[in-house]
């Protein structure tokens, strides 16, 4: 089983020269396993900015070249780099309520966004147990902007965050689960050896017109809003962001 969780796939293309050069230049393979995981995790969390790629189904090398990504695309890159340094990993698929993206999705187009949005996190096998990694999605600059904008809030569901502990979310690698969007989850899609399998089974279907609008207009608009957030300009949401609900019990079964 472990061998399949170290394998390459079209999306997990860790033999691509750009990923091989990155792993070599960072000397990740010389580190002990705990530090190796942390170094890769921190790279994806901080060096790959939170943002929206052209689609979910892009390769790890494309995510690296873009230099930004959201939950699914950053997860693809994280998985590829983890497998490149011999850390077994798999993908856990979910859907999240679109309210988690409110504030990033412009209010003008929010009504046409899909009610349920594809989501995923990465599970690694370390220290003889499975650990959930989701806290890599938001880079620190975006997270700090939200913390500054909502200093009295613990629960937040919006602006790309879904957390019940906004001021101190479990996003740092310390050998345990990390989360930043988990309270927006509304459906568990199960475990997958690769993102290729998850997207083939449950890929987001926008439809032709919405797909074109997203690819050529809306995502660029969203990325501009994220860049503004990173600079400290968090946009207003009509009626304010939603409160993060209590975390459902099924979210703990990933091990």
C-alpha atoms as a PDB file:
ATOM      1  CA  UNK A   1       0.000   0.000   0.000  1.00  0.00           C
ATOM      2  CA  UNK A   2       2.749   2.455   0.936  1.00  0.00           C
ATOM      3  CA  UNK A   3       4.388   2.048  -2.502  1.00  0.00           C
ATOM      4  CA  UNK A   4       1.249   3.322  -4.226  1.00  0.00           C
ATOM      5  CA  UNK A   5       1.330   6.368  -1.935  1.00  0.00           C
ATOM      6  CA  UNK A   6       4.833   7.237  -3.150  1.00  0.00           C
ATOM      7  CA  UNK A   7       4.112   6.814  -6.866  1.00  0.00           C
ATOM      8  CA  UNK A   8       4.124   9.467  -9.551  1.00  0.00           C
ATOM      9  CA  UNK A   9       1.042  10.363 -11.614  1.00  0.00           C
ATOM     10  CA  UNK A  10       0.311  12.851 -14.405  1.00  0.00           C
ATOM     11  CA  UNK A  11      -0.572  15.513 -11.825  1.00  0.00           C
ATOM     12  CA  UNK A  12       2.009  14.387  -9.247  1.00  0.00           C
ATOM     13  CA  UNK A  13       4.846  14.801 -11.728  1.00  0.00           C
ATOM     14  CA  UNK A  14       7.681  15.075  -9.217  1.00  0.00           C
ATOM     15  CA  UNK A  15      10.268  13.885 -11.772  1.00  0.00           C
ATOM     16  CA  UNK A  16       9.707  17.126 -13.706  1.00  0.00           C
ATOM     17  CA  UNK A  17      13.026  18.956 -13.788  1.00  0.00           C
ATOM     18  CA  UNK A  18      11.713  22.033 -11.970  1.00  0.00           C
ATOM     19  CA  UNK A  19      10.610  19.943  -8.988  1.00  0.00           C
ATOM     20  CA  UNK A  20      13.794  17.878  -9.026  1.00  0.00           C
ATOM     21  CA  UNK A  21      15.908  21.046  -9.023  1.00  0.00           C
ATOM     22  CA  UNK A  22      13.844  22.515  -6.190  1.00  0.00           C
ATOM     23  CA  UNK A  23      14.225  19.414  -4.005  1.00  0.00           C
ATOM     24  CA  UNK A  24      17.967  19.257  -4.717  1.00  0.00           C
ATOM     25  CA  UNK A  25      18.598  22.967  -4.118  1.00  0.00           C
ATOM     26  CA  UNK A  26      16.681  22.924  -0.832  1.00  0.00           C
ATOM     27  CA  UNK A  27      18.558  19.808   0.382  1.00  0.00           C
ATOM     28  CA  UNK A  28      15.295  18.448   1.734  1.00  0.00           C
ATOM     29  CA  UNK A  29      16.356  14.824   1.373  1.00  0.00           C
ATOM     30  CA  UNK A  30      19.221  15.384   3.804  1.00  0.00           C
ATOM     31  CA  UNK A  31      16.842  16.278   6.647  1.00  0.00           C
ATOM     32  CA  UNK A  32      15.331  13.920   9.248  1.00  0.00           C
ATOM     33  CA  UNK A  33      11.755  12.980   8.423  1.00  0.00           C
ATOM     34  CA  UNK A  34      10.028  15.407  10.813  1.00  0.00           C
ATOM     35  CA  UNK A  35      12.062  18.375   9.557  1.00  0.00           C
ATOM     36  CA  UNK A  36      11.711  17.190   5.949  1.00  0.00           C
ATOM     37  CA  UNK A  37       7.921  17.284   6.212  1.00  0.00           C
ATOM     38  CA  UNK A  38       8.026  20.688   7.848  1.00  0.00           C
ATOM     39  CA  UNK A  39      10.342  22.181   5.248  1.00  0.00           C
ATOM     40  CA  UNK A  40       8.169  21.027   2.337  1.00  0.00           C
ATOM     41  CA  UNK A  41       4.981  22.059   4.131  1.00  0.00           C
ATOM     42  CA  UNK A  42       6.326  25.535   4.930  1.00  0.00           C
ATOM     43  CA  UNK A  43       7.477  26.022   1.347  1.00  0.00           C
ATOM     44  CA  UNK A  44       4.014  25.290  -0.039  1.00  0.00           C
ATOM     45  CA  UNK A  45       2.289  27.353   2.666  1.00  0.00           C
ATOM     46  CA  UNK A  46       4.452  30.461   2.303  1.00  0.00           C
ATOM     47  CA  UNK A  47       6.237  30.409  -1.059  1.00  0.00           C
ATOM     48  CA  UNK A  48       3.143  29.382  -3.030  1.00  0.00           C
ATOM     49  CA  UNK A  49       0.732  32.248  -2.426  1.00  0.00           C
ATOM     50  CA  UNK A  50      -2.979  31.734  -1.889  1.00  0.00           C
ATOM     51  CA  UNK A  51      -4.675  32.315  -5.244  1.00  0.00           C
ATOM     52  CA  UNK A  52      -6.797  30.772  -7.963  1.00  0.00           C
ATOM     53  CA  UNK A  53      -5.328  28.807 -10.885  1.00  0.00           C
ATOM     54  CA  UNK A  54      -7.014  28.182 -14.181  1.00  0.00           C
ATOM     55  CA  UNK A  55      -8.522  24.903 -12.922  1.00  0.00           C
ATOM     56  CA  UNK A  56      -8.032  22.179 -10.298  1.00  0.00           C
ATOM     57  CA  UNK A  57      -6.660  19.607 -12.738  1.00  0.00           C
ATOM     58  CA  UNK A  58      -3.178  21.044 -13.269  1.00  0.00           C
ATOM     59  CA  UNK A  59       0.128  19.363 -12.551  1.00  0.00           C
ATOM     60  CA  UNK A  60       2.394  20.057  -9.617  1.00  0.00           C
ATOM     61  CA  UNK A  61       4.979  21.580 -11.960  1.00  0.00           C
ATOM     62  CA  UNK A  62       2.336  23.985 -13.295  1.00  0.00           C
ATOM     63  CA  UNK A  63       1.371  25.027  -9.746  1.00  0.00           C
ATOM     64  CA  UNK A  64       5.036  25.659  -8.976  1.00  0.00           C
ATOM     65  CA  UNK A  65       5.402  27.720 -12.158  1.00  0.00           C
ATOM     66  CA  UNK A  66       2.256  29.730 -11.342  1.00  0.00           C
ATOM     67  CA  UNK A  67       3.592  30.461  -7.866  1.00  0.00           C
ATOM     68  CA  UNK A  68       0.095  30.459  -6.359  1.00  0.00           C
ATOM     69  CA  UNK A  69      -2.770  28.077  -5.717  1.00  0.00           C
ATOM     70  CA  UNK A  70      -5.837  27.206  -3.687  1.00  0.00           C
ATOM     71  CA  UNK A  71      -6.670  24.137  -1.630  1.00  0.00           C
ATOM     72  CA  UNK A  72      -6.680  21.574  -4.439  1.00  0.00           C
ATOM     73  CA  UNK A  73      -3.764  22.870  -6.481  1.00  0.00           C
ATOM     74  CA  UNK A  74      -1.528  23.593  -3.508  1.00  0.00           C
ATOM     75  CA  UNK A  75      -2.397  20.096  -2.260  1.00  0.00           C
ATOM     76  CA  UNK A  76      -1.247  18.626  -5.577  1.00  0.00           C
ATOM     77  CA  UNK A  77       2.106  20.383  -5.274  1.00  0.00           C
ATOM     78  CA  UNK A  78       2.464  19.436  -1.616  1.00  0.00           C
ATOM     79  CA  UNK A  79       1.788  15.776  -2.401  1.00  0.00           C
ATOM     80  CA  UNK A  80       4.281  15.741  -5.275  1.00  0.00           C
ATOM     81  CA  UNK A  81       7.030  17.280  -3.150  1.00  0.00           C
ATOM     82  CA  UNK A  82       6.293  14.971  -0.214  1.00  0.00           C
ATOM     83  CA  UNK A  83       6.504  11.915  -2.438  1.00  0.00           C
ATOM     84  CA  UNK A  84       9.712  13.274  -3.955  1.00  0.00           C
ATOM     85  CA  UNK A  85      11.246  13.188  -0.456  1.00  0.00           C
ATOM     86  CA  UNK A  86       9.797   9.745   0.343  1.00  0.00           C
ATOM     87  CA  UNK A  87       6.840  10.737   2.540  1.00  0.00           C
ATOM     88  CA  UNK A  88       3.759   8.563   1.829  1.00  0.00           C
ATOM     89  CA  UNK A  89       0.659  10.678   1.307  1.00  0.00           C
ATOM     90  CA  UNK A  90      -2.871  10.564  -0.019  1.00  0.00           C
ATOM     91  CA  UNK A  91      -5.671  13.025  -0.727  1.00  0.00           C
ATOM     92  CA  UNK A  92      -8.944  13.335   1.199  1.00  0.00           C
ATOM     93  CA  UNK A  93     -11.717  14.885  -0.851  1.00  0.00           C
ATOM     94  CA  UNK A  94     -14.605  17.006   0.421  1.00  0.00           C
ATOM     95  CA  UNK A  95     -16.931  19.744  -0.661  1.00  0.00           C
ATOM     96  CA  UNK A  96     -17.235  23.084   1.110  1.00  0.00           C
ATOM     97  CA  UNK A  97     -20.105  25.546   1.197  1.00  0.00           C
ATOM     98  CA  UNK A  98     -19.494  28.477  -1.110  1.00  0.00           C
ATOM     99  CA  UNK A  99     -19.895  30.879   1.823  1.00  0.00           C
ATOM    100  CA  UNK A 100     -16.277  30.078   2.707  1.00  0.00           C
ATOM    101  CA  UNK A 101     -15.220  31.910  -0.471  1.00  0.00           C
ATOM    102  CA  UNK A 102     -17.388  34.953   0.166  1.00  0.00           C
ATOM    103  CA  UNK A 103     -15.294  38.089   0.253  1.00  0.00           C
ATOM    104  CA  UNK A 104     -12.878  36.577  -2.249  1.00  0.00           C
ATOM    105  CA  UNK A 105     -15.605  35.928  -4.804  1.00  0.00           C
ATOM    106  CA  UNK A 106     -16.948  39.387  -5.777  1.00  0.00           C
ATOM    107  CA  UNK A 107     -20.483  40.030  -4.541  1.00  0.00           C
ATOM    108  CA  UNK A 108     -21.639  40.692  -8.113  1.00  0.00           C
ATOM    109  CA  UNK A 109     -20.902  37.108  -9.190  1.00  0.00           C
ATOM    110  CA  UNK A 110     -21.296  35.317  -5.847  1.00  0.00           C
ATOM    111  CA  UNK A 111     -24.906  34.236  -6.651  1.00  0.00           C
ATOM    112  CA  UNK A 112     -23.739  32.222  -9.692  1.00  0.00           C
ATOM    113  CA  UNK A 113     -20.944  30.410  -7.840  1.00  0.00           C
ATOM    114  CA  UNK A 114     -21.583  26.659  -7.304  1.00  0.00           C
ATOM    115  CA  UNK A 115     -23.298  26.007  -3.968  1.00  0.00           C
ATOM    116  CA  UNK A 116     -20.732  23.315  -3.139  1.00  0.00           C
ATOM    117  CA  UNK A 117     -17.071  23.716  -4.053  1.00  0.00           C
ATOM    118  CA  UNK A 118     -14.475  20.966  -4.417  1.00  0.00           C
ATOM    119  CA  UNK A 119     -12.050  20.843  -1.497  1.00  0.00           C
ATOM    120  CA  UNK A 120      -9.260  18.568  -0.350  1.00  0.00           C
ATOM    121  CA  UNK A 121      -6.500  18.154   2.149  1.00  0.00           C
ATOM    122  CA  UNK A 122      -3.382  15.988   2.241  1.00  0.00           C
ATOM    123  CA  UNK A 123      -2.888  13.103   4.647  1.00  0.00           C
ATOM    124  CA  UNK A 124       0.645  11.916   5.409  1.00  0.00           C
ATOM    125  CA  UNK A 125       1.837   8.734   7.070  1.00  0.00           C
ATOM    126  CA  UNK A 126       4.282   9.755   9.770  1.00  0.00           C
ATOM    127  CA  UNK A 127       5.201   8.325  13.147  1.00  0.00           C
ATOM    128  CA  UNK A 128       3.007   5.251  12.471  1.00  0.00           C
ATOM    129  CA  UNK A 129      -0.192   7.287  12.053  1.00  0.00           C
ATOM    130  CA  UNK A 130      -2.090   9.382   9.534  1.00  0.00           C
ATOM    131  CA  UNK A 131      -1.941  13.157   9.943  1.00  0.00           C
ATOM    132  CA  UNK A 132      -4.217  15.649   8.166  1.00  0.00           C
ATOM    133  CA  UNK A 133      -2.576  18.670   6.527  1.00  0.00           C
ATOM    134  CA  UNK A 134      -4.851  21.520   5.444  1.00  0.00           C
ATOM    135  CA  UNK A 135      -3.293  24.562   7.118  1.00  0.00           C
ATOM    136  CA  UNK A 136      -0.992  25.252   4.153  1.00  0.00           C
ATOM    137  CA  UNK A 137      -3.732  26.866   2.052  1.00  0.00           C
ATOM    138  CA  UNK A 138      -3.537  30.487   3.256  1.00  0.00           C
ATOM    139  CA  UNK A 139      -0.152  32.168   3.291  1.00  0.00           C
ATOM    140  CA  UNK A 140       0.688  34.060   6.472  1.00  0.00           C
ATOM    141  CA  UNK A 141       0.155  37.511   4.941  1.00  0.00           C
ATOM    142  CA  UNK A 142      -3.472  36.702   4.080  1.00  0.00           C
ATOM    143  CA  UNK A 143      -4.103  35.076   7.458  1.00  0.00           C
ATOM    144  CA  UNK A 144      -2.638  38.041   9.340  1.00  0.00           C
ATOM    145  CA  UNK A 145      -4.801  40.435   7.340  1.00  0.00           C
ATOM    146  CA  UNK A 146      -7.915  38.523   8.397  1.00  0.00           C
ATOM    147  CA  UNK A 147      -6.779  38.412  12.024  1.00  0.00           C
ATOM    148  CA  UNK A 148      -6.221  42.163  11.995  1.00  0.00           C
ATOM    149  CA  UNK A 149      -9.555  42.841  10.266  1.00  0.00           C
ATOM    150  CA  UNK A 150     -11.508  40.654  12.715  1.00  0.00           C
ATOM    151  CA  UNK A 151      -9.556  40.972  15.997  1.00  0.00           C
ATOM    152  CA  UNK A 152     -12.516  39.996  18.193  1.00  0.00           C
ATOM    153  CA  UNK A 153     -13.624  37.027  16.076  1.00  0.00           C
ATOM    154  CA  UNK A 154     -12.878  33.397  16.816  1.00  0.00           C
ATOM    155  CA  UNK A 155     -15.266  31.898  14.278  1.00  0.00           C
ATOM    156  CA  UNK A 156     -14.923  32.930  10.641  1.00  0.00           C
ATOM    157  CA  UNK A 157     -16.329  31.418   7.473  1.00  0.00           C
ATOM    158  CA  UNK A 158     -15.357  33.620   4.562  1.00  0.00           C
ATOM    159  CA  UNK A 159     -12.401  35.124   2.690  1.00  0.00           C
ATOM    160  CA  UNK A 160     -10.994  31.627   2.078  1.00  0.00           C
ATOM    161  CA  UNK A 161     -10.953  30.725   5.778  1.00  0.00           C
ATOM    162  CA  UNK A 162     -13.183  28.371   7.724  1.00  0.00           C
ATOM    163  CA  UNK A 163     -12.017  28.188  11.303  1.00  0.00           C
ATOM    164  CA  UNK A 164     -13.306  28.331  14.857  1.00  0.00           C
ATOM    165  CA  UNK A 165     -10.018  29.777  16.157  1.00  0.00           C
ATOM    166  CA  UNK A 166      -9.094  32.604  13.806  1.00  0.00           C
ATOM    167  CA  UNK A 167      -6.596  34.280  16.126  1.00  0.00           C
ATOM    168  CA  UNK A 168      -4.629  31.070  16.684  1.00  0.00           C
ATOM    169  CA  UNK A 169      -5.502  28.474  14.042  1.00  0.00           C
ATOM    170  CA  UNK A 170      -3.531  25.201  13.898  1.00  0.00           C
ATOM    171  CA  UNK A 171      -1.604  25.984  10.715  1.00  0.00           C
ATOM    172  CA  UNK A 172       2.030  25.381  11.740  1.00  0.00           C
ATOM    173  CA  UNK A 173       3.650  21.973  11.268  1.00  0.00           C
ATOM    174  CA  UNK A 174       4.201  20.553  14.744  1.00  0.00           C
ATOM    175  CA  UNK A 175       3.659  16.880  14.028  1.00  0.00           C
ATOM    176  CA  UNK A 176      -0.134  17.078  14.317  1.00  0.00           C
ATOM    177  CA  UNK A 177      -3.156  17.896  12.129  1.00  0.00           C
ATOM    178  CA  UNK A 178      -3.271  21.378  10.593  1.00  0.00           C
ATOM    179  CA  UNK A 179      -6.435  23.148   9.422  1.00  0.00           C
ATOM    180  CA  UNK A 180      -7.655  26.488   8.059  1.00  0.00           C
ATOM    181  CA  UNK A 181     -10.811  25.697   6.023  1.00  0.00           C
ATOM    182  CA  UNK A 182     -12.260  22.685   7.833  1.00  0.00           C
ATOM    183  CA  UNK A 183     -15.388  24.310   9.291  1.00  0.00           C
ATOM    184  CA  UNK A 184     -16.764  25.019   5.817  1.00  0.00           C
ATOM    185  CA  UNK A 185     -16.885  21.325   4.908  1.00  0.00           C
ATOM    186  CA  UNK A 186     -20.300  19.855   4.171  1.00  0.00           C
ATOM    187  CA  UNK A 187     -19.612  16.522   2.431  1.00  0.00           C
ATOM    188  CA  UNK A 188     -16.926  13.840   2.715  1.00  0.00           C
ATOM    189  CA  UNK A 189     -15.906  12.376  -0.657  1.00  0.00           C
ATOM    190  CA  UNK A 190     -13.426   9.839   0.692  1.00  0.00           C
ATOM    191  CA  UNK A 191      -9.752   8.960   0.270  1.00  0.00           C
ATOM    192  CA  UNK A 192      -7.778   8.900  -2.977  1.00  0.00           C
ATOM    193  CA  UNK A 193      -4.233   7.810  -3.781  1.00  0.00           C
ATOM    194  CA  UNK A 194      -3.787  10.730  -6.188  1.00  0.00           C
ATOM    195  CA  UNK A 195      -5.510  14.013  -7.056  1.00  0.00           C
ATOM    196  CA  UNK A 196      -5.973  12.586 -10.552  1.00  0.00           C
ATOM    197  CA  UNK A 197      -8.391  10.030  -9.089  1.00  0.00           C
ATOM    198  CA  UNK A 198     -10.288  12.588  -7.003  1.00  0.00           C
ATOM    199  CA  UNK A 199     -10.771  15.037  -9.853  1.00  0.00           C
ATOM    200  CA  UNK A 200     -11.782  12.274 -12.291  1.00  0.00           C
ATOM    201  CA  UNK A 201     -14.491  11.147  -9.881  1.00  0.00           C
ATOM    202  CA  UNK A 202     -15.671  14.469  -8.457  1.00  0.00           C
ATOM    203  CA  UNK A 203     -14.200  17.291 -10.541  1.00  0.00           C
ATOM    204  CA  UNK A 204     -15.934  20.658 -10.356  1.00  0.00           C
ATOM    205  CA  UNK A 205     -18.341  21.133 -13.279  1.00  0.00           C
ATOM    206  CA  UNK A 206     -18.900  24.816 -14.061  1.00  0.00           C
ATOM    207  CA  UNK A 207     -20.600  24.450 -17.418  1.00  0.00           C
ATOM    208  CA  UNK A 208     -19.265  26.043 -20.606  1.00  0.00           C
ATOM    209  CA  UNK A 209     -20.233  29.665 -20.014  1.00  0.00           C
ATOM    210  CA  UNK A 210     -19.394  29.757 -16.307  1.00  0.00           C
ATOM    211  CA  UNK A 211     -16.144  27.955 -17.078  1.00  0.00           C
ATOM    212  CA  UNK A 212     -15.116  30.637 -19.562  1.00  0.00           C
ATOM    213  CA  UNK A 213     -16.123  33.411 -17.187  1.00  0.00           C
ATOM    214  CA  UNK A 214     -14.130  31.825 -14.385  1.00  0.00           C
ATOM    215  CA  UNK A 215     -11.024  31.162 -16.479  1.00  0.00           C
ATOM    216  CA  UNK A 216     -10.758  34.534 -18.193  1.00  0.00           C
ATOM    217  CA  UNK A 217     -12.444  36.985 -15.829  1.00  0.00           C
ATOM    218  CA  UNK A 218     -13.628  35.889 -12.393  1.00  0.00           C
ATOM    219  CA  UNK A 219     -10.481  34.167 -11.139  1.00  0.00           C
ATOM    220  CA  UNK A 220      -8.369  37.196 -12.085  1.00  0.00           C
ATOM    221  CA  UNK A 221     -10.820  39.383 -10.195  1.00  0.00           C
ATOM    222  CA  UNK A 222     -10.582  37.021  -7.210  1.00  0.00           C
ATOM    223  CA  UNK A 223      -6.782  37.022  -7.338  1.00  0.00           C
ATOM    224  CA  UNK A 224      -6.778  40.811  -7.353  1.00  0.00           C
ATOM    225  CA  UNK A 225      -8.945  40.781  -4.239  1.00  0.00           C
ATOM    226  CA  UNK A 226      -6.583  38.312  -2.547  1.00  0.00           C
ATOM    227  CA  UNK A 227      -3.612  40.531  -3.389  1.00  0.00           C
ATOM    228  CA  UNK A 228      -5.511  43.412  -1.804  1.00  0.00           C
ATOM    229  CA  UNK A 229      -6.146  41.310   1.307  1.00  0.00           C
ATOM    230  CA  UNK A 230      -2.468  40.442   1.477  1.00  0.00           C
ATOM    231  CA  UNK A 231      -1.759  44.172   1.500  1.00  0.00           C
ATOM    232  CA  UNK A 232      -4.249  44.672   4.333  1.00  0.00           C
ATOM    233  CA  UNK A 233      -7.321  45.707   2.353  1.00  0.00           C
ATOM    234  CA  UNK A 234      -9.958  43.144   3.340  1.00  0.00           C
ATOM    235  CA  UNK A 235     -13.149  43.842   1.355  1.00  0.00           C
ATOM    236  CA  UNK A 236     -16.507  44.275   3.033  1.00  0.00           C
ATOM    237  CA  UNK A 237     -19.141  41.550   2.767  1.00  0.00           C
ATOM    238  CA  UNK A 238     -22.781  42.580   2.685  1.00  0.00           C
ATOM    239  CA  UNK A 239     -24.138  41.501   6.072  1.00  0.00           C
ATOM    240  CA  UNK A 240     -20.676  40.415   7.254  1.00  0.00           C
ATOM    241  CA  UNK A 241     -18.999  36.996   7.013  1.00  0.00           C
ATOM    242  CA  UNK A 242     -20.702  33.888   8.308  1.00  0.00           C
ATOM    243  CA  UNK A 243     -19.849  32.364  11.662  1.00  0.00           C
ATOM    244  CA  UNK A 244     -17.934  29.122  11.361  1.00  0.00           C
ATOM    245  CA  UNK A 245     -20.144  26.187  12.394  1.00  0.00           C
ATOM    246  CA  UNK A 246     -19.085  23.543  14.855  1.00  0.00           C
ATOM    247  CA  UNK A 247     -16.829  20.974  13.248  1.00  0.00           C
ATOM    248  CA  UNK A 248     -18.671  17.806  12.186  1.00  0.00           C
ATOM    249  CA  UNK A 249     -17.596  14.600  13.875  1.00  0.00           C
ATOM    250  CA  UNK A 250     -16.892  12.786  10.611  1.00  0.00           C
ATOM    251  CA  UNK A 251     -13.936  15.065   9.917  1.00  0.00           C
ATOM    252  CA  UNK A 252     -11.842  13.118  12.390  1.00  0.00           C
ATOM    253  CA  UNK A 253     -11.965   9.780  10.542  1.00  0.00           C
ATOM    254  CA  UNK A 254      -9.126  10.457   8.085  1.00  0.00           C
ATOM    255  CA  UNK A 255      -6.757   8.120   9.944  1.00  0.00           C
END
